[in-house]
């Protein structure tokens, strides 16, 4: 079976660790932007929040910061809105 593709990245026959690729790209983006998370996120085509969350999961930023983000940016449920009325 032969498949022709014009993908920017070609998966090696032996496979690859997606987590390792993601971590490497984040490290490169942060290095290229001198640690500026907003600019690094823009390079990667993700939100700053997504970059911070994923970087925390990979140990690139302090996990405590990511835990605080979950609390600060959590979605408000209908019950929370109704209880606030």
Protein backbone atom coordinates (compact mmCIF):
# COMPACT_ATOMS: atom_id res chain seq x y z
CA UNK A 1 0.00 0.00 0.00
CA UNK A 2 1.56 3.27 -1.12
CA UNK A 3 0.25 6.56 0.18
CA UNK A 4 1.32 9.90 -1.24
CA UNK A 5 1.29 12.77 1.21
CA UNK A 6 2.42 16.37 1.18
CA UNK A 7 2.68 16.58 4.97
CA UNK A 8 5.14 19.05 6.47
CA UNK A 9 6.37 16.34 8.83
CA UNK A 10 6.83 12.72 7.88
CA UNK A 11 6.36 10.00 10.49
CA UNK A 12 9.45 7.76 10.63
CA UNK A 13 8.87 4.06 9.93
CA UNK A 14 9.95 3.18 13.49
CA UNK A 15 7.45 5.67 14.96
CA UNK A 16 8.03 8.55 17.32
CA UNK A 17 7.01 9.65 20.82
CA UNK A 18 4.39 12.36 20.35
CA UNK A 19 5.06 13.63 23.87
CA UNK A 20 8.77 14.02 23.10
CA UNK A 21 8.01 15.91 19.88
CA UNK A 22 5.54 18.21 21.66
CA UNK A 23 8.01 18.91 24.48
CA UNK A 24 10.84 19.57 22.01
CA UNK A 25 8.73 22.01 19.98
CA UNK A 26 7.70 23.87 23.14
CA UNK A 27 11.32 24.06 24.31
CA UNK A 28 12.38 25.41 20.91
CA UNK A 29 9.56 27.96 20.81
CA UNK A 30 10.33 29.18 24.33
CA UNK A 31 14.05 29.40 23.52
CA UNK A 32 13.40 31.30 20.28
CA UNK A 33 11.20 33.81 22.12
CA UNK A 34 13.51 34.12 25.14
CA UNK A 35 10.86 32.59 27.39
CA UNK A 36 7.99 34.80 26.22
CA UNK A 37 5.04 32.46 26.58
CA UNK A 38 2.62 34.53 24.50
CA UNK A 39 5.01 34.66 21.54
CA UNK A 40 5.92 30.97 21.92
CA UNK A 41 2.23 30.03 21.90
CA UNK A 42 1.73 32.11 18.76
CA UNK A 43 4.61 30.27 17.04
CA UNK A 44 2.99 26.95 17.90
CA UNK A 45 -0.53 28.03 16.91
CA UNK A 46 -2.00 27.47 20.38
CA UNK A 47 -3.33 29.72 23.11
CA UNK A 48 -1.07 30.97 25.90
CA UNK A 49 -3.19 29.00 28.35
CA UNK A 50 -2.69 25.79 26.33
CA UNK A 51 1.05 26.40 26.18
CA UNK A 52 1.27 26.96 29.94
CA UNK A 53 -0.84 23.89 30.68
CA UNK A 54 1.13 21.61 28.35
CA UNK A 55 4.49 23.06 29.44
CA UNK A 56 3.51 22.34 33.04
CA UNK A 57 2.64 18.76 32.14
CA UNK A 58 6.10 18.37 30.55
CA UNK A 59 7.87 19.99 33.51
CA UNK A 60 8.94 23.07 31.53
CA UNK A 61 7.27 25.46 33.98
CA UNK A 62 6.38 25.19 37.66
CA UNK A 63 3.45 22.79 38.09
CA UNK A 64 2.15 24.94 40.95
CA UNK A 65 1.50 27.70 38.39
CA UNK A 66 -0.54 25.28 36.26
CA UNK A 67 -2.60 24.16 39.27
CA UNK A 68 -3.37 27.81 40.04
CA UNK A 69 -4.41 28.35 36.42
CA UNK A 70 -6.92 25.50 36.60
CA UNK A 71 -8.62 27.21 39.52
CA UNK A 72 -8.40 30.71 38.11
CA UNK A 73 -9.64 29.87 34.60
CA UNK A 74 -12.08 27.07 35.31
CA UNK A 75 -15.36 27.32 33.52
CA UNK A 76 -18.31 28.51 35.53
CA UNK A 77 -21.14 26.00 35.65
CA UNK A 78 -24.80 26.94 35.50
CA UNK A 79 -25.13 25.93 39.14
CA UNK A 80 -22.40 28.44 40.07
CA UNK A 81 -24.16 31.21 38.15
CA UNK A 82 -27.55 30.40 39.68
CA UNK A 83 -26.07 30.19 43.18
CA UNK A 84 -24.52 33.64 42.72
CA UNK A 85 -27.91 35.21 41.97
